[in-house]
C-alpha atoms as a PDB file:
ATOM      1  CA  UNK A   1       0.000   0.000   0.000  1.00  0.00           C
ATOM      2  CA  UNK A   2       1.487   3.348  -1.004  1.00  0.00           C
ATOM      3  CA  UNK A   3       1.542   6.305   1.362  1.00  0.00           C
ATOM      4  CA  UNK A   4      -1.230   8.871   0.916  1.00  0.00           C
ATOM      5  CA  UNK A   5      -0.455  11.614  -1.550  1.00  0.00           C
ATOM      6  CA  UNK A   6       0.239  15.008  -0.113  1.00  0.00           C
ATOM      7  CA  UNK A   7      -2.165  17.486  -1.589  1.00  0.00           C
ATOM      8  CA  UNK A   8      -1.494  21.090  -2.349  1.00  0.00           C
ATOM      9  CA  UNK A   9      -3.111  23.665  -0.121  1.00  0.00           C
ATOM     10  CA  UNK A  10      -6.572  24.725  -1.151  1.00  0.00           C
ATOM     11  CA  UNK A  11      -6.040  27.161  -4.028  1.00  0.00           C
ATOM     12  CA  UNK A  12      -9.149  29.116  -3.137  1.00  0.00           C
ATOM     13  CA  UNK A  13      -8.041  30.314   0.264  1.00  0.00           C
ATOM     14  CA  UNK A  14      -7.756  34.115   0.484  1.00  0.00           C
ATOM     15  CA  UNK A  15      -4.173  33.918   1.765  1.00  0.00           C
ATOM     16  CA  UNK A  16      -3.013  32.461  -1.528  1.00  0.00           C
ATOM     17  CA  UNK A  17      -4.644  35.232  -3.530  1.00  0.00           C
ATOM     18  CA  UNK A  18      -3.097  38.101  -1.620  1.00  0.00           C
ATOM     19  CA  UNK A  19      -0.890  40.408  -3.575  1.00  0.00           C
ATOM     20  CA  UNK A  20       2.736  39.631  -2.707  1.00  0.00           C
ATOM     21  CA  UNK A  21       4.401  42.332  -0.690  1.00  0.00           C
ATOM     22  CA  UNK A  22       7.528  43.594  -2.355  1.00  0.00           C
ATOM     23  CA  UNK A  23       9.674  46.014  -0.476  1.00  0.00           C
ATOM     24  CA  UNK A  24      12.366  47.713  -2.453  1.00  0.00           C
ATOM     25  CA  UNK A  25      15.646  48.946  -1.119  1.00  0.00           C
ATOM     26  CA  UNK A  26      17.552  51.031  -3.601  1.00  0.00           C
ATOM     27  CA  UNK A  27      21.312  51.103  -4.052  1.00  0.00           C
ATOM     28  CA  UNK A  28      23.094  54.393  -3.381  1.00  0.00           C
ATOM     29  CA  UNK A  29      23.315  55.049  -7.124  1.00  0.00           C
ATOM     30  CA  UNK A  30      19.640  54.235  -7.745  1.00  0.00           C
ATOM     31  CA  UNK A  31      18.677  56.446  -4.810  1.00  0.00           C
ATOM     32  CA  UNK A  32      20.696  59.329  -6.179  1.00  0.00           C
ATOM     33  CA  UNK A  33      19.075  58.948  -9.601  1.00  0.00           C
ATOM     34  CA  UNK A  34      15.616  58.810  -8.007  1.00  0.00           C
ATOM     35  CA  UNK A  35      16.432  61.851  -5.899  1.00  0.00           C
ATOM     36  CA  UNK A  36      17.577  63.917  -8.875  1.00  0.00           C
ATOM     37  CA  UNK A  37      14.625  63.137 -11.150  1.00  0.00           C
ATOM     38  CA  UNK A  38      12.781  66.101 -12.569  1.00  0.00           C
ATOM     39  CA  UNK A  39       9.555  66.657 -10.635  1.00  0.00           C
ATOM     40  CA  UNK A  40       6.879  69.279 -10.394  1.00  0.00           C
ATOM     41  CA  UNK A  41       7.118  71.828  -7.583  1.00  0.00           C
ATOM     42  CA  UNK A  42       4.567  70.106  -5.314  1.00  0.00           C
ATOM     43  CA  UNK A  43       6.062  66.674  -5.856  1.00  0.00           C
ATOM     44  CA  UNK A  44       9.600  67.969  -5.218  1.00  0.00           C
ATOM     45  CA  UNK A  45       8.447  69.704  -2.036  1.00  0.00           C
ATOM     46  CA  UNK A  46       6.893  66.450  -0.828  1.00  0.00           C
ATOM     47  CA  UNK A  47      10.083  64.560  -1.697  1.00  0.00           C
ATOM     48  CA  UNK A  48      12.221  66.951   0.329  1.00  0.00           C
ATOM     49  CA  UNK A  49       9.808  66.869   3.263  1.00  0.00           C
ATOM     50  CA  UNK A  50       9.814  63.060   3.139  1.00  0.00           C
ATOM     51  CA  UNK A  51      13.609  63.095   3.308  1.00  0.00           C
ATOM     52  CA  UNK A  52      13.559  65.468   6.284  1.00  0.00           C
ATOM     53  CA  UNK A  53      10.950  63.410   8.127  1.00  0.00           C
ATOM     54  CA  UNK A  54      12.840  60.155   7.614  1.00  0.00           C
ATOM     55  CA  UNK A  55      16.062  61.677   8.870  1.00  0.00           C
ATOM     56  CA  UNK A  56      14.747  63.831  11.707  1.00  0.00           C
ATOM     57  CA  UNK A  57      11.545  62.113  12.877  1.00  0.00           C
ATOM     58  CA  UNK A  58      11.754  58.437  11.969  1.00  0.00           C
ATOM     59  CA  UNK A  59      15.518  58.292  12.635  1.00  0.00           C
ATOM     60  CA  UNK A  60      15.368  54.628  13.639  1.00  0.00           C
ATOM     61  CA  UNK A  61      19.152  54.513  14.102  1.00  0.00           C
ATOM     62  CA  UNK A  62      19.339  57.767  16.129  1.00  0.00           C
ATOM     63  CA  UNK A  63      21.690  59.435  13.654  1.00  0.00           C
ATOM     64  CA  UNK A  64      20.044  62.819  13.154  1.00  0.00           C
ATOM     65  CA  UNK A  65      22.308  64.528  15.676  1.00  0.00           C
ATOM     66  CA  UNK A  66      24.958  64.828  12.932  1.00  0.00           C
ATOM     67  CA  UNK A  67      24.240  66.013   9.378  1.00  0.00           C
ATOM     68  CA  UNK A  68      27.138  63.861   8.142  1.00  0.00           C
ATOM     69  CA  UNK A  69      24.800  60.887   8.590  1.00  0.00           C
ATOM     70  CA  UNK A  70      22.325  62.289   6.018  1.00  0.00           C
ATOM     71  CA  UNK A  71      22.829  59.387   3.620  1.00  0.00           C
ATOM     72  CA  UNK A  72      21.952  56.692   6.174  1.00  0.00           C
ATOM     73  CA  UNK A  73      18.310  56.560   5.058  1.00  0.00           C
ATOM     74  CA  UNK A  74      18.900  57.459   1.417  1.00  0.00           C
ATOM     75  CA  UNK A  75      18.370  53.889   0.188  1.00  0.00           C
ATOM     76  CA  UNK A  76      14.896  53.778   1.799  1.00  0.00           C
ATOM     77  CA  UNK A  77      13.726  57.243   0.734  1.00  0.00           C
ATOM     78  CA  UNK A  78      12.719  56.412  -2.873  1.00  0.00           C
ATOM     79  CA  UNK A  79      10.444  53.533  -1.888  1.00  0.00           C
ATOM     80  CA  UNK A  80       8.950  55.506   1.002  1.00  0.00           C
ATOM     81  CA  UNK A  81       8.227  58.347  -1.413  1.00  0.00           C
ATOM     82  CA  UNK A  82       6.723  55.997  -4.004  1.00  0.00           C
ATOM     83  CA  UNK A  83       4.523  54.367  -1.370  1.00  0.00           C
ATOM     84  CA  UNK A  84       3.483  57.775  -0.040  1.00  0.00           C
ATOM     85  CA  UNK A  85       2.323  58.778  -3.514  1.00  0.00           C
ATOM     86  CA  UNK A  86       0.273  55.620  -4.008  1.00  0.00           C
ATOM     87  CA  UNK A  87      -1.039  54.784  -0.554  1.00  0.00           C
ATOM     88  CA  UNK A  88      -4.621  55.403   0.402  1.00  0.00           C
ATOM     89  CA  UNK A  89      -4.439  54.842   4.139  1.00  0.00           C
ATOM     90  CA  UNK A  90      -0.711  54.565   4.892  1.00  0.00           C
ATOM     91  CA  UNK A  91      -0.760  51.011   6.202  1.00  0.00           C
ATOM     92  CA  UNK A  92       1.569  49.744   3.474  1.00  0.00           C
ATOM     93  CA  UNK A  93       3.988  52.560   4.218  1.00  0.00           C
ATOM     94  CA  UNK A  94       3.882  51.802   7.934  1.00  0.00           C
ATOM     95  CA  UNK A  95       4.542  48.121   7.240  1.00  0.00           C
ATOM     96  CA  UNK A  96       7.531  49.044   5.063  1.00  0.00           C
ATOM     97  CA  UNK A  97       9.108  51.189   7.781  1.00  0.00           C
ATOM     98  CA  UNK A  98       8.643  48.411  10.335  1.00  0.00           C
ATOM     99  CA  UNK A  99      10.068  45.898   7.846  1.00  0.00           C
ATOM    100  CA  UNK A 100      13.182  48.055   7.446  1.00  0.00           C
ATOM    101  CA  UNK A 101      13.673  48.370  11.184  1.00  0.00           C
ATOM    102  CA  UNK A 102      13.210  44.660  11.787  1.00  0.00           C
ATOM    103  CA  UNK A 103      15.145  43.308   8.811  1.00  0.00           C
ATOM    104  CA  UNK A 104      17.812  45.908   8.139  1.00  0.00           C
ATOM    105  CA  UNK A 105      18.343  47.708  11.430  1.00  0.00           C
ATOM    106  CA  UNK A 106      18.090  44.927  13.963  1.00  0.00           C
ATOM    107  CA  UNK A 107      14.856  45.849  15.750  1.00  0.00           C
ATOM    108  CA  UNK A 108      13.166  42.959  17.494  1.00  0.00           C
ATOM    109  CA  UNK A 109      10.327  41.553  15.398  1.00  0.00           C
ATOM    110  CA  UNK A 110       7.004  42.694  16.785  1.00  0.00           C
ATOM    111  CA  UNK A 111       8.626  45.591  18.638  1.00  0.00           C
ATOM    112  CA  UNK A 112       5.885  48.057  19.531  1.00  0.00           C
ATOM    113  CA  UNK A 113       8.307  50.989  19.535  1.00  0.00           C
ATOM    114  CA  UNK A 114       9.090  50.414  15.844  1.00  0.00           C
ATOM    115  CA  UNK A 115       5.365  50.221  15.044  1.00  0.00           C
ATOM    116  CA  UNK A 116       4.565  53.385  17.025  1.00  0.00           C
ATOM    117  CA  UNK A 117       7.447  55.258  15.427  1.00  0.00           C
ATOM    118  CA  UNK A 118       6.262  54.173  11.965  1.00  0.00           C
ATOM    119  CA  UNK A 119       2.659  55.191  12.707  1.00  0.00           C
ATOM    120  CA  UNK A 120       3.799  58.635  13.844  1.00  0.00           C
ATOM    121  CA  UNK A 121       5.924  59.111  10.723  1.00  0.00           C
ATOM    122  CA  UNK A 122       3.176  57.934   8.367  1.00  0.00           C
ATOM    123  CA  UNK A 123       0.605  60.218   9.999  1.00  0.00           C
ATOM    124  CA  UNK A 124       2.966  63.136   9.557  1.00  0.00           C
ATOM    125  CA  UNK A 125       3.771  62.207   5.941  1.00  0.00           C
ATOM    126  CA  UNK A 126       0.088  61.880   5.065  1.00  0.00           C
ATOM    127  CA  UNK A 127      -0.639  65.261   6.666  1.00  0.00           C
ATOM    128  CA  UNK A 128       2.200  66.851   4.675  1.00  0.00           C
ATOM    129  CA  UNK A 129       0.973  65.239   1.470  1.00  0.00           C
ATOM    130  CA  UNK A 130      -2.543  66.528   2.097  1.00  0.00           C
ATOM    131  CA  UNK A 131      -1.256  70.005   2.912  1.00  0.00           C
ATOM    132  CA  UNK A 132       0.927  70.212  -0.196  1.00  0.00           C
ATOM    133  CA  UNK A 133      -1.858  68.895  -2.412  1.00  0.00           C
ATOM    134  CA  UNK A 134      -4.330  71.359  -0.902  1.00  0.00           C
ATOM    135  CA  UNK A 135      -6.519  68.646   0.607  1.00  0.00           C
ATOM    136  CA  UNK A 136      -8.046  70.184   3.730  1.00  0.00           C
ATOM    137  CA  UNK A 137      -9.744  66.976   4.808  1.00  0.00           C
ATOM    138  CA  UNK A 138      -7.356  64.345   6.054  1.00  0.00           C
ATOM    139  CA  UNK A 139      -9.838  61.489   6.291  1.00  0.00           C
ATOM    140  CA  UNK A 140      -7.381  58.744   5.459  1.00  0.00           C
ATOM    141  CA  UNK A 141      -5.300  58.551   8.596  1.00  0.00           C
ATOM    142  CA  UNK A 142      -3.377  55.519   9.765  1.00  0.00           C
END
């Protein structure tokens, strides 16, 4: 008698149909190219504010005391900016920041400080985006 065949998981389960999460971390060169792209005035203002917020507010590595550390978050900035431009509620952006802290910066997985820091940063980024775009109603908060 042969052993029972192992069957594949049920293909109809919602977990299997979820869009795969892809987090991008740019190289220094790719980041520089992304940073120097031609943008409209509003988009460039948002890009610069995003850079400032990552360095001065998120600052997961506590490096903002010295401007010489400016490039520490440069490889994350392009993806944060891209997510900020496409997110509706900020959850994907928050998850990305937590992912970076846990997988690239050594934060303990499930650390509530990383999650709270990310939520604060995303709320601020969404408020800045709404302000720059002239959207007085910030209904889509994290």
